[in-house]
Amino acid sequence: MAAYTVIRTKVHDPVAYSAFVQRVTALMPEFGGEFAVRADRCVAPEGSAPDIVVIQRFPDMGSAQAYYDHPEYQEALSNVRGACTREVVIVEGV
């Protein structure tokens, strides 16, 4: 069953965040991932709207988790800490 990562991001340093996005986007196809949503226009009828919402689709939960856990992803993530505030969840879906 497909799995999705849902990522809500508040960007504090656009240059550092852009470098992070480039690195991890290049890695995504290795795990069968693709973008379902990439949006910087968000409306929040409830709660607060992030700057960016990303939803990535993967073949299954294992692929999504392996992508997130990959050493290159984790290194890129450690380099972007402080440049953004993120919430990431991996969910199983249809």
PDB file of N, CA and C in Angstrom:
ATOM      1  N   MET A   1       0.835  -1.173   0.000  1.00  0.00           N
ATOM      2  CA  MET A   1       0.000   0.000   0.000  1.00  0.00           C
ATOM      3  C   MET A   1       0.886   1.243   0.000  1.00  0.00           C
ATOM      4  N   ALA A   2       0.490   2.265  -0.745  1.00  0.00           N
ATOM      5  CA  ALA A   2       1.267   3.503  -0.835  1.00  0.00           C
ATOM      6  C   ALA A   2       1.419   4.160   0.535  1.00  0.00           C
ATOM      7  N   ALA A   3       2.493   4.900   0.671  1.00  0.00           N
ATOM      8  CA  ALA A   3       2.737   5.687   1.887  1.00  0.00           C
ATOM      9  C   ALA A   3       3.037   7.114   1.468  1.00  0.00           C
ATOM     10  N   TYR A   4       2.715   8.031   2.337  1.00  0.00           N
ATOM     11  CA  TYR A   4       2.897   9.449   2.060  1.00  0.00           C
ATOM     12  C   TYR A   4       3.637  10.108   3.218  1.00  0.00           C
ATOM     13  N   THR A   5       4.570  10.972   2.894  1.00  0.00           N
ATOM     14  CA  THR A   5       5.125  11.845   3.923  1.00  0.00           C
ATOM     15  C   THR A   5       4.393  13.168   3.779  1.00  0.00           C
ATOM     16  N   VAL A   6       3.967  13.704   4.905  1.00  0.00           N
ATOM     17  CA  VAL A   6       3.303  15.000   4.942  1.00  0.00           C
ATOM     18  C   VAL A   6       4.219  15.915   5.743  1.00  0.00           C
ATOM     19  N   ILE A   7       4.683  16.973   5.088  1.00  0.00           N
ATOM     20  CA  ILE A   7       5.689  17.842   5.688  1.00  0.00           C
ATOM     21  C   ILE A   7       5.166  19.275   5.705  1.00  0.00           C
ATOM     22  N   ARG A   8       5.084  19.831   6.900  1.00  0.00           N
ATOM     23  CA  ARG A   8       4.697  21.242   7.094  1.00  0.00           C
ATOM     24  C   ARG A   8       5.949  21.988   7.525  1.00  0.00           C
ATOM     25  N   THR A   9       6.289  23.049   6.798  1.00  0.00           N
ATOM     26  CA  THR A   9       7.544  23.744   7.039  1.00  0.00           C
ATOM     27  C   THR A   9       7.345  25.244   7.194  1.00  0.00           C
ATOM     28  N   LYS A  10       7.990  25.798   8.196  1.00  0.00           N
ATOM     29  CA  LYS A  10       8.123  27.239   8.375  1.00  0.00           C
ATOM     30  C   LYS A  10       9.587  27.555   8.088  1.00  0.00           C
ATOM     31  N   VAL A  11       9.849  28.387   7.088  1.00  0.00           N
ATOM     32  CA  VAL A  11      11.211  28.672   6.642  1.00  0.00           C
ATOM     33  C   VAL A  11      11.748  29.921   7.335  1.00  0.00           C
ATOM     34  N   HIS A  12      12.952  29.801   7.919  1.00  0.00           N
ATOM     35  CA  HIS A  12      13.620  30.922   8.575  1.00  0.00           C
ATOM     36  C   HIS A  12      14.802  31.437   7.747  1.00  0.00           C
ATOM     37  N   ASP A  13      15.420  30.548   6.961  1.00  0.00           N
ATOM     38  CA  ASP A  13      16.569  30.901   6.111  1.00  0.00           C
ATOM     39  C   ASP A  13      16.332  30.284   4.731  1.00  0.00           C
ATOM     40  N   PRO A  14      15.774  31.052   3.789  1.00  0.00           N
ATOM     41  CA  PRO A  14      15.427  30.497   2.479  1.00  0.00           C
ATOM     42  C   PRO A  14      16.605  29.915   1.700  1.00  0.00           C
ATOM     43  N   VAL A  15      17.787  30.482   1.829  1.00  0.00           N
ATOM     44  CA  VAL A  15      18.950  29.983   1.089  1.00  0.00           C
ATOM     45  C   VAL A  15      19.347  28.598   1.587  1.00  0.00           C
ATOM     46  N   ALA A  16      19.468  28.439   2.885  1.00  0.00           N
ATOM     47  CA  ALA A  16      19.823  27.135   3.451  1.00  0.00           C
ATOM     48  C   ALA A  16      18.726  26.111   3.175  1.00  0.00           C
ATOM     49  N   TYR A  17      17.480  26.531   3.279  1.00  0.00           N
ATOM     50  CA  TYR A  17      16.372  25.609   3.031  1.00  0.00           C
ATOM     51  C   TYR A  17      16.371  25.145   1.570  1.00  0.00           C
ATOM     52  N   SER A  18      16.634  26.035   0.653  1.00  0.00           N
ATOM     53  CA  SER A  18      16.677  25.682  -0.768  1.00  0.00           C
ATOM     54  C   SER A  18      17.769  24.643  -1.051  1.00  0.00           C
ATOM     55  N   ALA A  19      18.924  24.794  -0.431  1.00  0.00           N
ATOM     56  CA  ALA A  19      20.010  23.821  -0.604  1.00  0.00           C
ATOM     57  C   ALA A  19      19.592  22.454  -0.069  1.00  0.00           C
ATOM     58  N   PHE A  20      18.908  22.432   1.061  1.00  0.00           N
ATOM     59  CA  PHE A  20      18.394  21.184   1.630  1.00  0.00           C
ATOM     60  C   PHE A  20      17.430  20.518   0.661  1.00  0.00           C
ATOM     61  N   VAL A  21      16.489  21.286   0.133  1.00  0.00           N
ATOM     62  CA  VAL A  21      15.481  20.739  -0.786  1.00  0.00           C
ATOM     63  C   VAL A  21      16.139  20.126  -2.008  1.00  0.00           C
ATOM     64  N   GLN A  22      17.129  20.796  -2.573  1.00  0.00           N
ATOM     65  CA  GLN A  22      17.817  20.256  -3.745  1.00  0.00           C
ATOM     66  C   GLN A  22      18.463  18.909  -3.444  1.00  0.00           C
ATOM     67  N   ARG A  23      19.108  18.802  -2.304  1.00  0.00           N
ATOM     68  CA  ARG A  23      19.788  17.540  -1.948  1.00  0.00           C
ATOM     69  C   ARG A  23      18.802  16.400  -1.766  1.00  0.00           C
ATOM     70  N   VAL A  24      17.762  16.629  -0.998  1.00  0.00           N
ATOM     71  CA  VAL A  24      16.857  15.518  -0.690  1.00  0.00           C
ATOM     72  C   VAL A  24      15.931  15.184  -1.855  1.00  0.00           C
ATOM     73  N   THR A  25      15.636  16.169  -2.714  1.00  0.00           N
ATOM     74  CA  THR A  25      14.816  15.891  -3.896  1.00  0.00           C
ATOM     75  C   THR A  25      15.565  14.967  -4.847  1.00  0.00           C
ATOM     76  N   ALA A  26      16.852  15.159  -4.999  1.00  0.00           N
ATOM     77  CA  ALA A  26      17.657  14.309  -5.869  1.00  0.00           C
ATOM     78  C   ALA A  26      17.704  12.874  -5.370  1.00  0.00           C
ATOM     79  N   LEU A  27      17.561  12.664  -4.087  1.00  0.00           N
ATOM     80  CA  LEU A  27      17.625  11.339  -3.484  1.00  0.00           C
ATOM     81  C   LEU A  27      16.291  10.571  -3.577  1.00  0.00           C
ATOM     82  N   MET A  28      15.202  11.292  -3.664  1.00  0.00           N
ATOM     83  CA  MET A  28      13.866  10.695  -3.583  1.00  0.00           C
ATOM     84  C   MET A  28      13.581   9.587  -4.624  1.00  0.00           C
ATOM     85  N   PRO A  29      13.941   9.738  -5.909  1.00  0.00           N
ATOM     86  CA  PRO A  29      13.631   8.687  -6.881  1.00  0.00           C
ATOM     87  C   PRO A  29      14.254   7.325  -6.558  1.00  0.00           C
ATOM     88  N   GLU A  30      15.376   7.337  -5.857  1.00  0.00           N
ATOM     89  CA  GLU A  30      16.032   6.085  -5.466  1.00  0.00           C
ATOM     90  C   GLU A  30      15.105   5.202  -4.624  1.00  0.00           C
ATOM     91  N   PHE A  31      14.130   5.821  -3.966  1.00  0.00           N
ATOM     92  CA  PHE A  31      13.210   5.101  -3.095  1.00  0.00           C
ATOM     93  C   PHE A  31      11.799   5.027  -3.682  1.00  0.00           C
ATOM     94  N   GLY A  32      11.679   5.359  -4.971  1.00  0.00           N
ATOM     95  CA  GLY A  32      10.384   5.301  -5.638  1.00  0.00           C
ATOM     96  C   GLY A  32       9.474   6.457  -5.280  1.00  0.00           C
ATOM     97  N   GLY A  33      10.047   7.526  -4.739  1.00  0.00           N
ATOM     98  CA  GLY A  33       9.248   8.661  -4.296  1.00  0.00           C
ATOM     99  C   GLY A  33       8.962   9.655  -5.398  1.00  0.00           C
ATOM    100  N   GLU A  34       7.832  10.328  -5.237  1.00  0.00           N
ATOM    101  CA  GLU A  34       7.455  11.405  -6.144  1.00  0.00           C
ATOM    102  C   GLU A  34       6.620  12.421  -5.371  1.00  0.00           C
ATOM    103  N   PHE A  35       6.565  13.629  -5.880  1.00  0.00           N
ATOM    104  CA  PHE A  35       5.776  14.659  -5.217  1.00  0.00           C
ATOM    105  C   PHE A  35       4.305  14.507  -5.592  1.00  0.00           C
ATOM    106  N   ALA A  36       3.449  14.537  -4.604  1.00  0.00           N
ATOM    107  CA  ALA A  36       2.011  14.612  -4.827  1.00  0.00           C
ATOM    108  C   ALA A  36       1.561  16.062  -4.674  1.00  0.00           C
ATOM    109  N   VAL A  37       2.213  16.787  -3.751  1.00  0.00           N
ATOM    110  CA  VAL A  37       1.915  18.205  -3.494  1.00  0.00           C
ATOM    111  C   VAL A  37       3.206  18.919  -3.130  1.00  0.00           C
ATOM    112  N   ARG A  38       3.404  20.090  -3.717  1.00  0.00           N
ATOM    113  CA  ARG A  38       4.465  21.025  -3.320  1.00  0.00           C
ATOM    114  C   ARG A  38       3.819  22.397  -3.381  1.00  0.00           C
ATOM    115  N   ALA A  39       3.505  22.969  -2.244  1.00  0.00           N
ATOM    116  CA  ALA A  39       2.737  24.210  -2.241  1.00  0.00           C
ATOM    117  C   ALA A  39       3.304  25.222  -1.264  1.00  0.00           C
ATOM    118  N   ASP A  40       3.387  26.452  -1.723  1.00  0.00           N
ATOM    119  CA  ASP A  40       3.763  27.530  -0.818  1.00  0.00           C
ATOM    120  C   ASP A  40       2.601  28.511  -0.640  1.00  0.00           C
ATOM    121  N   ARG A  41       1.452  28.137  -1.143  1.00  0.00           N
ATOM    122  CA  ARG A  41       0.222  28.898  -0.891  1.00  0.00           C
ATOM    123  C   ARG A  41      -0.693  28.007  -0.078  1.00  0.00           C
ATOM    124  N   CYS A  42      -0.849  28.346   1.184  1.00  0.00           N
ATOM    125  CA  CYS A  42      -1.607  27.518   2.102  1.00  0.00           C
ATOM    126  C   CYS A  42      -2.632  28.366   2.843  1.00  0.00           C
ATOM    127  N   VAL A  43      -3.801  27.798   3.041  1.00  0.00           N
ATOM    128  CA  VAL A  43      -4.841  28.422   3.841  1.00  0.00           C
ATOM    129  C   VAL A  43      -5.166  27.450   4.960  1.00  0.00           C
ATOM    130  N   ALA A  44      -5.275  27.950   6.170  1.00  0.00           N
ATOM    131  CA  ALA A  44      -5.553  27.088   7.315  1.00  0.00           C
ATOM    132  C   ALA A  44      -6.886  27.503   7.950  1.00  0.00           C
ATOM    133  N   PRO A  45      -7.992  26.843   7.564  1.00  0.00           N
ATOM    134  CA  PRO A  45      -9.263  27.144   8.198  1.00  0.00           C
ATOM    135  C   PRO A  45      -9.235  26.863   9.703  1.00  0.00           C
ATOM    136  N   GLU A  46      -8.364  25.966  10.118  1.00  0.00           N
ATOM    137  CA  GLU A  46      -8.151  25.669  11.538  1.00  0.00           C
ATOM    138  C   GLU A  46      -6.652  25.591  11.775  1.00  0.00           C
ATOM    139  N   GLY A  47      -6.185  26.123  12.866  1.00  0.00           N
ATOM    140  CA  GLY A  47      -4.750  26.098  13.162  1.00  0.00           C
ATOM    141  C   GLY A  47      -4.021  27.181  12.393  1.00  0.00           C
ATOM    142  N   SER A  48      -2.716  27.002  12.254  1.00  0.00           N
ATOM    143  CA  SER A  48      -1.902  28.005  11.556  1.00  0.00           C
ATOM    144  C   SER A  48      -1.324  27.397  10.280  1.00  0.00           C
ATOM    145  N   ALA A  49      -1.231  28.234   9.266  1.00  0.00           N
ATOM    146  CA  ALA A  49      -0.714  27.776   7.973  1.00  0.00           C
ATOM    147  C   ALA A  49       0.811  27.815   7.983  1.00  0.00           C
ATOM    148  N   PRO A  50       1.457  26.761   7.491  1.00  0.00           N
ATOM    149  CA  PRO A  50       2.913  26.785   7.335  1.00  0.00           C
ATOM    150  C   PRO A  50       3.280  27.594   6.094  1.00  0.00           C
ATOM    151  N   ASP A  51       4.552  27.844   5.908  1.00  0.00           N
ATOM    152  CA  ASP A  51       5.012  28.491   4.679  1.00  0.00           C
ATOM    153  C   ASP A  51       4.898  27.533   3.497  1.00  0.00           C
ATOM    154  N   ILE A  52       5.203  26.261   3.756  1.00  0.00           N
ATOM    155  CA  ILE A  52       5.262  25.258   2.687  1.00  0.00           C
ATOM    156  C   ILE A  52       4.634  23.963   3.177  1.00  0.00           C
ATOM    157  N   VAL A  53       3.872  23.313   2.287  1.00  0.00           N
ATOM    158  CA  VAL A  53       3.364  21.963   2.540  1.00  0.00           C
ATOM    159  C   VAL A  53       3.853  21.078   1.407  1.00  0.00           C
ATOM    160  N   VAL A  54       4.426  19.939   1.771  1.00  0.00           N
ATOM    161  CA  VAL A  54       4.890  18.958   0.794  1.00  0.00           C
ATOM    162  C   VAL A  54       4.276  17.612   1.159  1.00  0.00           C
ATOM    163  N   ILE A  55       3.745  16.932   0.150  1.00  0.00           N
ATOM    164  CA  ILE A  55       3.287  15.554   0.322  1.00  0.00           C
ATOM    165  C   ILE A  55       4.017  14.731  -0.726  1.00  0.00           C
ATOM    166  N   GLN A  56       4.744  13.733  -0.258  1.00  0.00           N
ATOM    167  CA  GLN A  56       5.495  12.839  -1.134  1.00  0.00           C
ATOM    168  C   GLN A  56       4.833  11.461  -1.098  1.00  0.00           C
ATOM    169  N   ARG A  57       4.742  10.829  -2.260  1.00  0.00           N
ATOM    170  CA  ARG A  57       4.163   9.490  -2.360  1.00  0.00           C
ATOM    171  C   ARG A  57       5.294   8.480  -2.574  1.00  0.00           C
ATOM    172  N   PHE A  58       5.245   7.383  -1.815  1.00  0.00           N
ATOM    173  CA  PHE A  58       6.209   6.283  -1.934  1.00  0.00           C
ATOM    174  C   PHE A  58       5.447   4.984  -2.129  1.00  0.00           C
ATOM    175  N   PRO A  59       6.096   3.954  -2.638  1.00  0.00           N
ATOM    176  CA  PRO A  59       5.404   2.684  -2.868  1.00  0.00           C
ATOM    177  C   PRO A  59       4.846   2.055  -1.590  1.00  0.00           C
ATOM    178  N   ASP A  60       5.528   2.273  -0.460  1.00  0.00           N
ATOM    179  CA  ASP A  60       5.093   1.642   0.793  1.00  0.00           C
ATOM    180  C   ASP A  60       5.775   2.344   1.966  1.00  0.00           C
ATOM    181  N   MET A  61       5.367   1.983   3.168  1.00  0.00           N
ATOM    182  CA  MET A  61       5.917   2.604   4.380  1.00  0.00           C
ATOM    183  C   MET A  61       7.423   2.382   4.491  1.00  0.00           C
ATOM    184  N   GLY A  62       7.877   1.186   4.146  1.00  0.00           N
ATOM    185  CA  GLY A  62       9.310   0.880   4.239  1.00  0.00           C
ATOM    186  C   GLY A  62      10.148   1.791   3.360  1.00  0.00           C
ATOM    187  N   SER A  63       9.677   2.070   2.155  1.00  0.00           N
ATOM    188  CA  SER A  63      10.408   2.954   1.238  1.00  0.00           C
ATOM    189  C   SER A  63      10.450   4.381   1.769  1.00  0.00           C
ATOM    190  N   ALA A  64       9.328   4.853   2.284  1.00  0.00           N
ATOM    191  CA  ALA A  64       9.270   6.214   2.834  1.00  0.00           C
ATOM    192  C   ALA A  64      10.205   6.349   4.029  1.00  0.00           C
ATOM    193  N   GLN A  65      10.203   5.353   4.905  1.00  0.00           N
ATOM    194  CA  GLN A  65      11.063   5.405   6.089  1.00  0.00           C
ATOM    195  C   GLN A  65      12.531   5.288   5.695  1.00  0.00           C
ATOM    196  N   ALA A  66      12.835   4.432   4.719  1.00  0.00           N
ATOM    197  CA  ALA A  66      14.219   4.271   4.264  1.00  0.00           C
ATOM    198  C   ALA A  66      14.754   5.563   3.655  1.00  0.00           C
ATOM    199  N   TYR A  67      13.914   6.272   2.930  1.00  0.00           N
ATOM    200  CA  TYR A  67      14.298   7.578   2.372  1.00  0.00           C
ATOM    201  C   TYR A  67      14.649   8.547   3.495  1.00  0.00           C
ATOM    202  N   TYR A  68      13.769   8.647   4.477  1.00  0.00           N
ATOM    203  CA  TYR A  68      13.996   9.561   5.592  1.00  0.00           C
ATOM    204  C   TYR A  68      15.237   9.176   6.398  1.00  0.00           C
ATOM    205  N   ASP A  69      15.450   7.887   6.579  1.00  0.00           N
ATOM    206  CA  ASP A  69      16.573   7.401   7.381  1.00  0.00           C
ATOM    207  C   ASP A  69      17.910   7.381   6.643  1.00  0.00           C
ATOM    208  N   HIS A  70      17.893   7.554   5.323  1.00  0.00           N
ATOM    209  CA  HIS A  70      19.115   7.465   4.526  1.00  0.00           C
ATOM    210  C   HIS A  70      20.160   8.450   5.064  1.00  0.00           C
ATOM    211  N   PRO A  71      21.418   8.025   5.157  1.00  0.00           N
ATOM    212  CA  PRO A  71      22.470   8.898   5.700  1.00  0.00           C
ATOM    213  C   PRO A  71      22.581  10.252   4.990  1.00  0.00           C
ATOM    214  N   GLU A  72      22.404  10.272   3.674  1.00  0.00           N
ATOM    215  CA  GLU A  72      22.495  11.548   2.954  1.00  0.00           C
ATOM    216  C   GLU A  72      21.345  12.484   3.349  1.00  0.00           C
ATOM    217  N   TYR A  73      20.148  11.920   3.511  1.00  0.00           N
ATOM    218  CA  TYR A  73      19.008  12.732   3.953  1.00  0.00           C
ATOM    219  C   TYR A  73      19.267  13.273   5.356  1.00  0.00           C
ATOM    220  N   GLN A  74      19.731  12.415   6.229  1.00  0.00           N
ATOM    221  CA  GLN A  74      19.983  12.829   7.611  1.00  0.00           C
ATOM    222  C   GLN A  74      21.084  13.876   7.698  1.00  0.00           C
ATOM    223  N   GLU A  75      22.109  13.756   6.851  1.00  0.00           N
ATOM    224  CA  GLU A  75      23.168  14.765   6.825  1.00  0.00           C
ATOM    225  C   GLU A  75      22.610  16.105   6.348  1.00  0.00           C
ATOM    226  N   ALA A  76      21.817  16.078   5.285  1.00  0.00           N
ATOM    227  CA  ALA A  76      21.198  17.310   4.782  1.00  0.00           C
ATOM    228  C   ALA A  76      20.296  17.920   5.843  1.00  0.00           C
ATOM    229  N   LEU A  77      19.569  17.081   6.550  1.00  0.00           N
ATOM    230  CA  LEU A  77      18.675  17.551   7.610  1.00  0.00           C
ATOM    231  C   LEU A  77      19.464  18.211   8.734  1.00  0.00           C
ATOM    232  N   SER A  78      20.583  17.626   9.108  1.00  0.00           N
ATOM    233  CA  SER A  78      21.385  18.225  10.183  1.00  0.00           C
ATOM    234  C   SER A  78      21.956  19.575   9.757  1.00  0.00           C
ATOM    235  N   ASN A  79      22.216  19.737   8.461  1.00  0.00           N
ATOM    236  CA  ASN A  79      22.754  21.008   7.957  1.00  0.00           C
ATOM    237  C   ASN A  79      21.699  22.110   7.884  1.00  0.00           C
ATOM    238  N   VAL A  80      20.417  21.741   7.882  1.00  0.00           N
ATOM    239  CA  VAL A  80      19.353  22.741   7.732  1.00  0.00           C
ATOM    240  C   VAL A  80      18.694  23.085   9.067  1.00  0.00           C
ATOM    241  N   ARG A  81      19.078  22.412  10.119  1.00  0.00           N
ATOM    242  CA  ARG A  81      18.494  22.722  11.434  1.00  0.00           C
ATOM    243  C   ARG A  81      18.700  24.195  11.757  1.00  0.00           C
ATOM    244  N   GLY A  82      17.665  24.826  12.215  1.00  0.00           N
ATOM    245  CA  GLY A  82      17.711  26.254  12.498  1.00  0.00           C
ATOM    246  C   GLY A  82      17.261  27.097  11.316  1.00  0.00           C
ATOM    247  N   ALA A  83      17.361  26.555  10.113  1.00  0.00           N
ATOM    248  CA  ALA A  83      16.922  27.281   8.918  1.00  0.00           C
ATOM    249  C   ALA A  83      15.426  27.113   8.673  1.00  0.00           C
ATOM    250  N   CYS A  84      14.839  26.120   9.349  1.00  0.00           N
ATOM    251  CA  CYS A  84      13.410  25.885   9.199  1.00  0.00           C
ATOM    252  C   CYS A  84      12.891  25.108  10.408  1.00  0.00           C
ATOM    253  N   THR A  85      11.602  25.161  10.576  1.00  0.00           N
ATOM    254  CA  THR A  85      10.919  24.357  11.580  1.00  0.00           C
ATOM    255  C   THR A  85       9.973  23.453  10.812  1.00  0.00           C
ATOM    256  N   ARG A  86      10.077  22.136  11.041  1.00  0.00           N
ATOM    257  CA  ARG A  86       9.293  21.183  10.248  1.00  0.00           C
ATOM    258  C   ARG A  86       8.517  20.238  11.138  1.00  0.00           C
ATOM    259  N   GLU A  87       7.390  19.793  10.605  1.00  0.00           N
ATOM    260  CA  GLU A  87       6.635  18.670  11.162  1.00  0.00           C
ATOM    261  C   GLU A  87       6.551  17.649  10.045  1.00  0.00           C
ATOM    262  N   VAL A  88       6.945  16.418  10.326  1.00  0.00           N
ATOM    263  CA  VAL A  88       6.951  15.367   9.310  1.00  0.00           C
ATOM    264  C   VAL A  88       6.213  14.159   9.860  1.00  0.00           C
ATOM    265  N   VAL A  89       5.259  13.653   9.088  1.00  0.00           N
ATOM    266  CA  VAL A  89       4.603  12.395   9.431  1.00  0.00           C
ATOM    267  C   VAL A  89       4.608  11.502   8.204  1.00  0.00           C
ATOM    268  N   ILE A  90       4.717  10.217   8.429  1.00  0.00           N
ATOM    269  CA  ILE A  90       4.611   9.230   7.348  1.00  0.00           C
ATOM    270  C   ILE A  90       3.321   8.460   7.607  1.00  0.00           C
ATOM    271  N   VAL A  91       2.448   8.431   6.597  1.00  0.00           N
ATOM    272  CA  VAL A  91       1.150   7.783   6.741  1.00  0.00           C
ATOM    273  C   VAL A  91       0.922   6.790   5.624  1.00  0.00           C
ATOM    274  N   GLU A  92       0.197   5.742   5.934  1.00  0.00           N
ATOM    275  CA  GLU A  92      -0.200   4.777   4.924  1.00  0.00           C
ATOM    276  C   GLU A  92      -1.476   5.282   4.279  1.00  0.00           C
ATOM    277  N   GLY A  93      -1.603   5.113   2.989  1.00  0.00           N
ATOM    278  CA  GLY A  93      -2.783   5.619   2.289  1.00  0.00           C
ATOM    279  C   GLY A  93      -3.131   4.792   1.090  1.00  0.00           C
ATOM    280  N   VAL A  94      -4.078   5.285   0.338  1.00  0.00           N
ATOM    281  CA  VAL A  94      -4.546   4.581  -0.861  1.00  0.00           C
ATOM    282  C   VAL A  94      -3.943   5.190  -2.097  1.00  0.00           C
TER     283      VAL A  94
END
